[in-house]
Amino acid sequence: MIGGVLFECMNHVLLLGLSMLATTVGLYLIPFCKTAALLITMMSVFGAAAGALDTGGNILILALWGDKGAPHMQALHFSFALGAFLAPILAKLALGTTVSPENHTEPHLHPAALNRSPEADPGLLFAAPDDLNLLWAYAAIGTYTFVVSVFLFALFFMKSWKHEKSTASAQESRRAKHHRALLCLLFLFFFFYVGAEVTYGSYVFSFATTHVGMEESKAAGLNSAFWGAFAACRGLAILFATCLRPGTMIVVSNIGSLVSSLFLVLFDKNPLCLWIASSVYGASMATTFPSGISWLEQYTSISGKSAAFFVVGACLGDMAIPAVIGILQGEYPGLPVVLYTCLGSAIFTAALFPVMYKLATLPLDHSRRKRERMRTRKLCFPLLR
């Protein structure tokens, strides 16, 4: 929410650069934290910077391309999906190849690190971690974000303030009659969509091992199949967005999510169905979020506060639904509560989007005709300008 307010009064590129720089600081310092309070502080800085990036990235795409930026919006979210899919694999490879099982109790450290522990020095706030591979992993990712922040700062010094203000003022002139109602409905839409996405991605491994009886290696492969299909479909969505309207992509995604989650519930103990339906479910969920933002931009301009509002809805779904479902699944281990949640969210989002579409299109018919008449008048009588 703070990021949404700041994007209303600051240069978008500058604020993104500062957010990336704060992310870099958090990544560099997290491995050195030796107290819980300091670690919470650093994680809060990291989370606040990431929240501003979530809001600002979407706003910057809309500011540059407006309602024509659907492919660019899909590309932005594809990069997120690709990173979420590759980063854990690369981190596991890096840590797994450099640390052997017999060295877990006696890591290779310099002599000073052997005597470094919270019990030895209770007042110590910062110190190198016992596992230096952890330090290098955070440092590598932090260096990557720092390089990106440098590019953003370079773009800021090359970008004209006048151009940005004129673009923003031009976009603010398009505002739907039911602007706030649309934002509230999109808030609910993203709340259940992101909640279901994170719930299934978080619990599919545990569900497959405990409820279906899969081996851990196969359950891990099932998890990778879900996120791999998710990332691959987001990449293909960049091409699809050039020839399909965002509303069409949302409808197709809703149908795919509804059908696949229904098959998951009906055949919850069938491993083959679980593999196929999980892949289809991941592919169906991939394009919904970026398509939803591009769809709303067609009918009303999205400001920083507006983007922050529905991003907060997504974050609340990310945070609340998996926590509640984890408790319920523990209370009722014999029931596929995770799958019921995915099916219920798919039904809700599939029913909610037609309401959103009706609300967005009804008041815009007259205003669109008026804008077309004004545009035609300016083209036919340029001297009237």
Protein backbone atom coordinates (compact mmCIF):
# COMPACT_ATOMS: atom_id res chain seq x y z
CA MET A 1 0.00 0.00 0.00
CA ILE A 2 2.85 2.40 0.80
CA GLY A 3 4.41 1.63 -2.56
CA GLY A 4 1.15 2.48 -4.31
CA VAL A 5 1.06 5.88 -2.61
CA LEU A 6 4.71 6.57 -3.39
CA PHE A 7 4.21 5.71 -7.07
CA GLU A 8 1.63 8.52 -7.22
CA CYS A 9 4.19 11.19 -6.31
CA MET A 10 7.58 9.79 -7.39
CA ASN A 11 9.20 8.78 -10.64
CA HIS A 12 8.33 5.14 -11.32
CA VAL A 13 11.78 4.10 -12.49
CA LEU A 14 13.52 5.83 -9.57
CA LEU A 15 11.27 4.14 -7.02
CA LEU A 16 11.81 0.76 -8.65
CA GLY A 17 15.57 1.32 -8.50
CA LEU A 18 15.38 2.25 -4.81
CA SER A 19 13.24 -0.82 -4.12
CA MET A 20 15.76 -3.06 -5.86
CA LEU A 21 18.55 -1.41 -3.87
CA ALA A 22 16.69 -2.05 -0.60
CA THR A 23 16.19 -5.65 -1.71
CA THR A 24 19.94 -5.90 -2.28
CA VAL A 25 20.70 -4.60 1.22
CA GLY A 26 18.26 -7.06 2.75
CA LEU A 27 19.73 -10.01 0.82
CA TYR A 28 23.28 -9.06 1.79
CA LEU A 29 22.50 -8.68 5.51
CA ILE A 30 20.06 -11.56 6.13
CA PRO A 31 22.77 -14.30 6.32
CA PHE A 32 24.71 -12.26 8.90
CA CYS A 33 21.82 -11.79 11.34
CA LYS A 34 22.43 -13.52 14.69
CA THR A 35 19.31 -12.46 16.62
CA ALA A 36 15.65 -13.10 15.85
CA ALA A 37 14.73 -9.42 16.20
CA LEU A 38 17.38 -8.34 13.70
CA LEU A 39 16.39 -11.09 11.28
CA ILE A 40 12.74 -10.00 11.50
CA THR A 41 13.81 -6.43 10.75
CA MET A 42 15.84 -7.45 7.71
CA MET A 43 13.06 -9.71 6.42
CA SER A 44 10.62 -6.81 6.86
CA VAL A 45 12.85 -4.54 4.78
CA PHE A 46 13.09 -7.27 2.16
CA GLY A 47 9.32 -7.82 2.18
CA ALA A 48 8.52 -4.11 1.94
CA ALA A 49 10.88 -3.70 -1.01
CA ALA A 50 9.41 -6.77 -2.73
CA GLY A 51 5.90 -5.41 -2.16
CA ALA A 52 6.81 -2.11 -3.80
CA LEU A 53 8.31 -4.05 -6.74
CA ASP A 54 5.12 -6.10 -7.13
CA THR A 55 3.06 -2.93 -7.37
CA GLY A 56 5.56 -0.84 -9.31
CA GLY A 57 6.37 -3.35 -12.03
CA ASN A 58 2.72 -3.57 -13.04
CA ILE A 59 2.28 0.20 -12.88
CA LEU A 60 5.35 0.83 -15.05
CA ILE A 61 4.09 -1.56 -17.76
CA LEU A 62 0.71 0.19 -17.79
CA ALA A 63 2.33 3.64 -17.81
CA LEU A 64 4.46 2.74 -20.84
CA TRP A 65 1.95 0.80 -22.96
CA GLY A 66 -1.49 1.31 -21.36
CA ASP A 67 -4.19 -1.05 -22.61
CA LYS A 68 -1.83 -2.20 -25.42
CA GLY A 69 0.64 -3.73 -23.02
CA ALA A 70 -0.86 -7.21 -22.56
CA PRO A 71 2.16 -9.04 -24.09
CA HIS A 72 4.54 -6.96 -21.99
CA MET A 73 2.51 -7.68 -18.85
CA GLN A 74 2.65 -11.41 -19.63
CA ALA A 75 6.42 -11.15 -20.15
CA LEU A 76 6.82 -9.43 -16.78
CA HIS A 77 4.96 -12.18 -14.94
CA PHE A 78 6.69 -14.89 -16.98
CA SER A 79 10.00 -13.66 -15.59
CA PHE A 80 8.60 -14.11 -12.09
CA ALA A 81 7.39 -17.65 -12.86
CA LEU A 82 10.73 -18.57 -14.46
CA GLY A 83 12.67 -17.30 -11.47
CA ALA A 84 10.38 -19.09 -9.01
CA PHE A 85 10.88 -22.31 -10.97
CA LEU A 86 14.65 -22.08 -11.51
CA ALA A 87 15.93 -20.40 -8.34
CA PRO A 88 15.21 -23.30 -5.93
CA ILE A 89 16.71 -25.78 -8.40
CA LEU A 90 19.87 -23.71 -8.84
CA ALA A 91 20.18 -23.13 -5.10
CA LYS A 92 19.81 -26.85 -4.41
CA LEU A 93 22.43 -27.68 -7.04
CA ALA A 94 24.83 -25.10 -5.63
CA LEU A 95 24.44 -26.22 -2.02
CA GLY A 96 24.21 -29.92 -2.85
CA THR A 97 27.40 -30.07 -4.90
CA THR A 98 29.54 -28.07 -2.52
CA VAL A 99 28.46 -29.67 0.78
CA SER A 100 28.88 -33.39 1.27
CA PRO A 101 26.77 -35.29 3.86
CA GLU A 102 29.74 -36.13 6.04
CA ASN A 103 30.66 -32.45 6.37
CA HIS A 104 27.36 -31.26 7.78
CA THR A 105 28.61 -31.39 11.37
CA GLU A 106 32.07 -30.04 10.58
CA PRO A 107 31.78 -27.44 7.82
CA HIS A 108 34.93 -26.03 6.29
CA LEU A 109 35.29 -22.68 8.02
CA HIS A 110 38.10 -20.37 8.82
CA PRO A 111 39.32 -20.68 12.44
CA ALA A 112 37.58 -17.55 13.65
CA ALA A 113 34.21 -18.88 12.60
CA LEU A 114 34.60 -22.05 14.70
CA ASN A 115 34.25 -20.11 17.95
CA ARG A 116 31.40 -17.91 16.69
CA SER A 117 28.03 -18.81 18.24
CA PRO A 118 25.20 -16.97 20.02
CA GLU A 119 26.05 -18.77 23.28
CA ALA A 120 29.69 -17.68 23.10
CA ASP A 121 28.82 -14.04 22.53
CA PRO A 122 25.19 -13.21 23.41
CA GLY A 123 25.58 -9.56 22.37
CA LEU A 124 26.69 -10.38 18.86
CA LEU A 125 24.27 -9.00 16.22
CA PHE A 126 26.12 -9.66 12.97
CA ALA A 127 28.40 -12.57 12.15
CA ALA A 128 29.18 -14.79 9.20
CA PRO A 129 26.94 -17.87 9.02
CA ASP A 130 28.36 -21.28 9.89
CA ASP A 131 27.56 -22.52 6.38
CA LEU A 132 29.41 -20.22 4.00
CA ASN A 133 27.54 -21.71 1.04
CA LEU A 134 24.43 -20.01 2.41
CA LEU A 135 26.29 -16.71 2.44
CA TRP A 136 27.41 -17.09 -1.17
CA ALA A 137 23.88 -17.99 -2.29
CA TYR A 138 22.44 -14.80 -0.77
CA ALA A 139 25.37 -12.74 -2.03
CA ALA A 140 24.94 -14.00 -5.60
CA ILE A 141 21.23 -13.14 -5.69
CA GLY A 142 21.91 -9.81 -3.98
CA THR A 143 24.53 -8.93 -6.58
CA TYR A 144 22.06 -9.76 -9.34
CA THR A 145 19.43 -7.40 -7.88
CA PHE A 146 22.08 -4.70 -7.44
CA VAL A 147 22.97 -4.88 -11.14
CA VAL A 148 19.29 -4.52 -12.03
CA SER A 149 18.99 -1.48 -9.73
CA VAL A 150 21.96 0.13 -11.51
CA PHE A 151 20.19 -0.26 -14.85
CA LEU A 152 17.03 1.27 -13.39
CA PHE A 153 18.96 4.26 -12.06
CA ALA A 154 20.54 4.69 -15.50
CA LEU A 155 17.07 4.67 -17.09
CA PHE A 156 15.92 7.27 -14.57
CA PHE A 157 18.64 9.72 -15.59
CA MET A 158 17.81 9.19 -19.27
CA LYS A 159 14.03 9.49 -18.83
CA SER A 160 12.18 12.80 -19.14
CA TRP A 161 9.91 13.91 -16.30
CA LYS A 162 7.76 15.79 -18.77
CA HIS A 163 7.02 12.67 -20.81
CA GLU A 164 6.07 10.69 -17.72
CA LYS A 165 3.73 13.40 -16.41
CA SER A 166 2.00 13.81 -19.75
CA THR A 167 1.49 10.05 -20.02
CA ALA A 168 0.08 9.87 -16.53
CA SER A 169 -2.32 12.78 -17.11
CA ALA A 170 -3.52 11.20 -20.34
CA GLN A 171 -4.25 7.94 -18.58
CA GLU A 172 -6.08 9.55 -15.67
CA SER A 173 -8.74 10.88 -18.04
CA ARG A 174 -10.14 7.37 -18.59
CA ARG A 175 -12.09 6.30 -15.52
CA ALA A 176 -15.01 3.90 -15.42
CA LYS A 177 -18.21 4.89 -13.70
CA HIS A 178 -17.93 1.89 -11.35
CA HIS A 179 -14.19 2.21 -10.89
CA ARG A 180 -14.16 1.43 -7.17
CA ALA A 181 -16.58 -1.48 -7.50
CA LEU A 182 -14.37 -3.01 -10.18
CA LEU A 183 -11.33 -2.68 -7.94
CA CYS A 184 -13.14 -4.35 -5.06
CA LEU A 185 -14.27 -7.24 -7.27
CA LEU A 186 -10.74 -7.63 -8.68
CA PHE A 187 -9.48 -7.60 -5.08
CA LEU A 188 -11.72 -10.61 -4.32
CA PHE A 189 -10.87 -12.25 -7.64
CA PHE A 190 -7.13 -12.10 -6.99
CA PHE A 191 -7.60 -13.05 -3.32
CA PHE A 192 -9.09 -16.43 -4.21
CA TYR A 193 -7.04 -16.98 -7.36
CA VAL A 194 -3.63 -16.38 -5.74
CA GLY A 195 -4.72 -18.17 -2.58
CA ALA A 196 -5.62 -21.30 -4.57
CA GLU A 197 -2.44 -21.10 -6.64
CA VAL A 198 -0.15 -20.86 -3.62
CA THR A 199 -2.16 -23.43 -1.64
CA TYR A 200 -1.86 -26.08 -4.32
CA GLY A 201 1.78 -25.28 -5.07
CA SER A 202 2.65 -25.41 -1.36
CA TYR A 203 0.75 -28.58 -0.39
CA VAL A 204 0.77 -30.74 -3.51
CA PHE A 205 3.92 -32.54 -2.31
CA SER A 206 2.50 -33.30 1.14
CA PHE A 207 -0.88 -34.22 -0.34
CA ALA A 208 0.67 -36.64 -2.83
CA THR A 209 2.76 -38.40 -0.18
CA THR A 210 0.17 -38.63 2.61
CA HIS A 211 -3.15 -38.88 0.77
CA VAL A 212 -2.17 -40.64 -2.46
CA GLY A 213 0.80 -42.59 -1.10
CA MET A 214 3.36 -41.44 -3.67
CA GLU A 215 7.08 -41.76 -3.12
CA GLU A 216 8.83 -38.54 -2.21
CA SER A 217 10.76 -38.41 -5.49
CA LYS A 218 7.55 -38.75 -7.52
CA ALA A 219 5.77 -36.21 -5.32
CA ALA A 220 8.63 -33.77 -5.89
CA GLY A 221 8.30 -34.38 -9.63
CA LEU A 222 4.58 -33.64 -9.38
CA ASN A 223 5.35 -30.34 -7.71
CA SER A 224 7.84 -29.52 -10.46
CA ALA A 225 5.27 -30.47 -13.10
CA PHE A 226 2.80 -27.96 -11.66
CA TRP A 227 5.27 -25.07 -11.51
CA GLY A 228 6.94 -26.06 -14.77
CA ALA A 229 3.61 -25.98 -16.63
CA PHE A 230 2.87 -22.70 -14.87
CA ALA A 231 6.12 -21.11 -16.09
CA ALA A 232 5.90 -22.60 -19.60
CA CYS A 233 2.35 -21.37 -20.14
CA ARG A 234 3.29 -17.88 -18.96
CA GLY A 235 6.01 -17.87 -21.59
CA LEU A 236 3.58 -18.96 -24.30
CA ALA A 237 1.11 -16.34 -23.06
CA ILE A 238 3.44 -13.64 -24.37
CA LEU A 239 2.60 -14.86 -27.87
CA PHE A 240 -1.06 -15.54 -27.10
CA ALA A 241 -1.52 -12.00 -25.79
CA THR A 242 -0.65 -10.57 -29.22
CA CYS A 243 -3.71 -12.20 -30.82
CA LEU A 244 -6.11 -12.82 -27.93
CA ARG A 245 -7.85 -10.24 -25.79
CA PRO A 246 -7.19 -10.37 -22.03
CA GLY A 247 -10.83 -11.19 -21.31
CA THR A 248 -10.67 -14.20 -23.62
CA MET A 249 -7.53 -15.45 -21.90
CA ILE A 250 -9.20 -15.10 -18.49
CA VAL A 251 -12.23 -17.10 -19.65
CA VAL A 252 -10.01 -19.86 -21.06
CA SER A 253 -7.96 -19.91 -17.84
CA ASN A 254 -11.09 -20.08 -15.68
CA ILE A 255 -12.48 -22.99 -17.71
CA GLY A 256 -9.17 -24.87 -17.52
CA SER A 257 -8.89 -24.29 -13.76
CA LEU A 258 -12.48 -25.38 -13.20
CA VAL A 259 -12.19 -28.57 -15.26
CA SER A 260 -8.78 -29.61 -13.92
CA SER A 261 -9.68 -28.96 -10.26
CA LEU A 262 -12.92 -30.91 -10.74
CA PHE A 263 -10.95 -33.89 -12.07
CA LEU A 264 -8.55 -33.58 -9.14
CA VAL A 265 -11.47 -33.86 -6.70
CA LEU A 266 -13.17 -36.72 -8.54
CA PHE A 267 -10.01 -38.78 -9.04
CA ASP A 268 -7.99 -37.65 -6.03
CA LYS A 269 -6.29 -41.05 -5.52
CA ASN A 270 -5.43 -41.73 -9.16
CA PRO A 271 -1.72 -40.95 -9.74
CA LEU A 272 -2.07 -40.61 -13.52
CA CYS A 273 -4.98 -38.20 -13.21
CA LEU A 274 -3.06 -36.30 -10.56
CA TRP A 275 -0.12 -35.80 -12.93
CA ILE A 276 -2.26 -34.71 -15.89
CA ALA A 277 -4.67 -32.52 -13.93
CA SER A 278 -1.84 -30.86 -11.96
CA SER A 279 -0.09 -29.88 -15.17
CA VAL A 280 -3.31 -28.56 -16.70
CA TYR A 281 -4.15 -26.72 -13.49
CA GLY A 282 -0.73 -25.05 -13.41
CA ALA A 283 -1.02 -24.04 -17.08
CA SER A 284 -4.53 -22.70 -16.53
CA MET A 285 -3.53 -20.60 -13.52
CA ALA A 286 -0.54 -19.08 -15.30
CA THR A 287 -2.11 -16.26 -17.32
CA THR A 288 -4.89 -15.14 -14.97
CA PHE A 289 -3.07 -12.50 -12.92
CA PRO A 290 -1.39 -10.53 -15.75
CA SER A 291 -4.50 -10.90 -17.93
CA GLY A 292 -6.64 -9.51 -15.12
CA ILE A 293 -4.52 -6.36 -14.86
CA SER A 294 -4.48 -5.87 -18.66
CA TRP A 295 -8.23 -6.49 -18.83
CA LEU A 296 -9.02 -3.84 -16.22
CA GLU A 297 -6.78 -1.30 -17.97
CA GLN A 298 -9.02 -1.54 -21.04
CA TYR A 299 -11.91 0.00 -19.12
CA THR A 300 -10.36 2.23 -16.49
CA SER A 301 -6.89 3.61 -15.86
CA ILE A 302 -4.97 1.99 -13.00
CA SER A 303 -3.13 4.37 -10.69
CA GLY A 304 -0.54 3.46 -8.11
CA LYS A 305 -3.12 3.27 -5.31
CA SER A 306 -5.44 1.16 -7.46
CA ALA A 307 -2.68 -1.30 -8.33
CA ALA A 308 -1.62 -1.48 -4.69
CA PHE A 309 -5.20 -2.25 -3.68
CA PHE A 310 -5.63 -5.40 -5.76
CA VAL A 311 -2.01 -6.48 -5.20
CA VAL A 312 -2.78 -6.39 -1.46
CA GLY A 313 -5.78 -8.63 -2.19
CA ALA A 314 -3.45 -11.09 -3.88
CA CYS A 315 -0.98 -10.92 -0.99
CA LEU A 316 -3.74 -11.53 1.58
CA GLY A 317 -4.89 -14.58 -0.38
CA ASP A 318 -1.27 -15.74 -0.55
CA MET A 319 -0.97 -15.39 3.22
CA ALA A 320 -4.38 -16.36 4.63
CA ILE A 321 -5.76 -19.20 2.51
CA PRO A 322 -2.72 -21.55 2.71
CA ALA A 323 -2.53 -21.01 6.47
CA VAL A 324 -6.21 -21.83 7.02
CA ILE A 325 -6.14 -24.81 4.65
CA GLY A 326 -3.03 -26.19 6.33
CA ILE A 327 -4.87 -26.22 9.66
CA LEU A 328 -8.00 -27.78 8.17
CA GLN A 329 -6.03 -30.42 6.29
CA GLY A 330 -4.34 -31.37 9.55
CA GLU A 331 -7.71 -31.63 11.31
CA TYR A 332 -9.25 -33.75 8.52
CA PRO A 333 -6.38 -35.79 7.04
CA GLY A 334 -8.73 -38.21 5.27
CA LEU A 335 -10.33 -35.48 3.15
CA PRO A 336 -8.66 -33.73 0.20
CA VAL A 337 -9.20 -30.28 1.68
CA VAL A 338 -6.54 -28.80 -0.60
CA LEU A 339 -8.39 -29.99 -3.69
CA TYR A 340 -11.73 -28.77 -2.35
CA THR A 341 -10.17 -25.34 -1.90
CA CYS A 342 -8.90 -25.28 -5.48
CA LEU A 343 -12.30 -26.32 -6.82
CA GLY A 344 -14.14 -23.78 -4.67
CA SER A 345 -11.80 -20.97 -5.75
CA ALA A 346 -12.18 -21.97 -9.41
CA ILE A 347 -15.97 -21.87 -9.10
CA PHE A 348 -15.86 -18.48 -7.37
CA THR A 349 -13.53 -16.84 -9.91
CA ALA A 350 -15.42 -18.35 -12.86
CA ALA A 351 -18.69 -16.94 -11.51
CA LEU A 352 -17.20 -13.58 -10.53
CA PHE A 353 -15.62 -12.64 -13.86
CA PRO A 354 -18.92 -12.34 -15.83
CA VAL A 355 -20.14 -9.97 -13.12
CA MET A 356 -16.97 -7.92 -13.47
CA TYR A 357 -17.29 -7.89 -17.25
CA LYS A 358 -20.92 -6.76 -17.13
CA LEU A 359 -20.09 -4.02 -14.65
CA ALA A 360 -17.14 -2.81 -16.74
CA THR A 361 -18.84 -2.75 -20.15
CA LEU A 362 -22.29 -1.31 -19.41
CA PRO A 363 -21.29 2.25 -18.48
CA LEU A 364 -18.57 2.45 -21.13
CA ASP A 365 -20.72 2.16 -24.25
CA HIS A 366 -21.77 5.82 -24.26
CA SER A 367 -18.37 7.17 -23.21
CA ARG A 368 -16.59 5.15 -25.89
CA ARG A 369 -18.88 6.50 -28.59
CA LYS A 370 -18.25 10.00 -27.31
CA ARG A 371 -14.48 9.53 -27.45
CA GLU A 372 -14.75 8.13 -30.97
CA ARG A 373 -16.76 11.16 -32.07
CA MET A 374 -14.19 13.50 -30.52
CA ARG A 375 -11.35 11.63 -32.21
CA THR A 376 -13.10 11.73 -35.58
CA ARG A 377 -13.83 15.43 -35.19
CA LYS A 378 -10.20 16.18 -34.47
CA LEU A 379 -9.07 14.19 -37.50
CA CYS A 380 -11.60 15.82 -39.83
CA PHE A 381 -11.15 19.35 -38.53
CA PRO A 382 -7.55 19.70 -37.35
CA LEU A 383 -7.82 23.49 -37.17
CA LEU A 384 -10.32 23.16 -34.32
CA ARG A 385 -7.51 21.96 -32.10
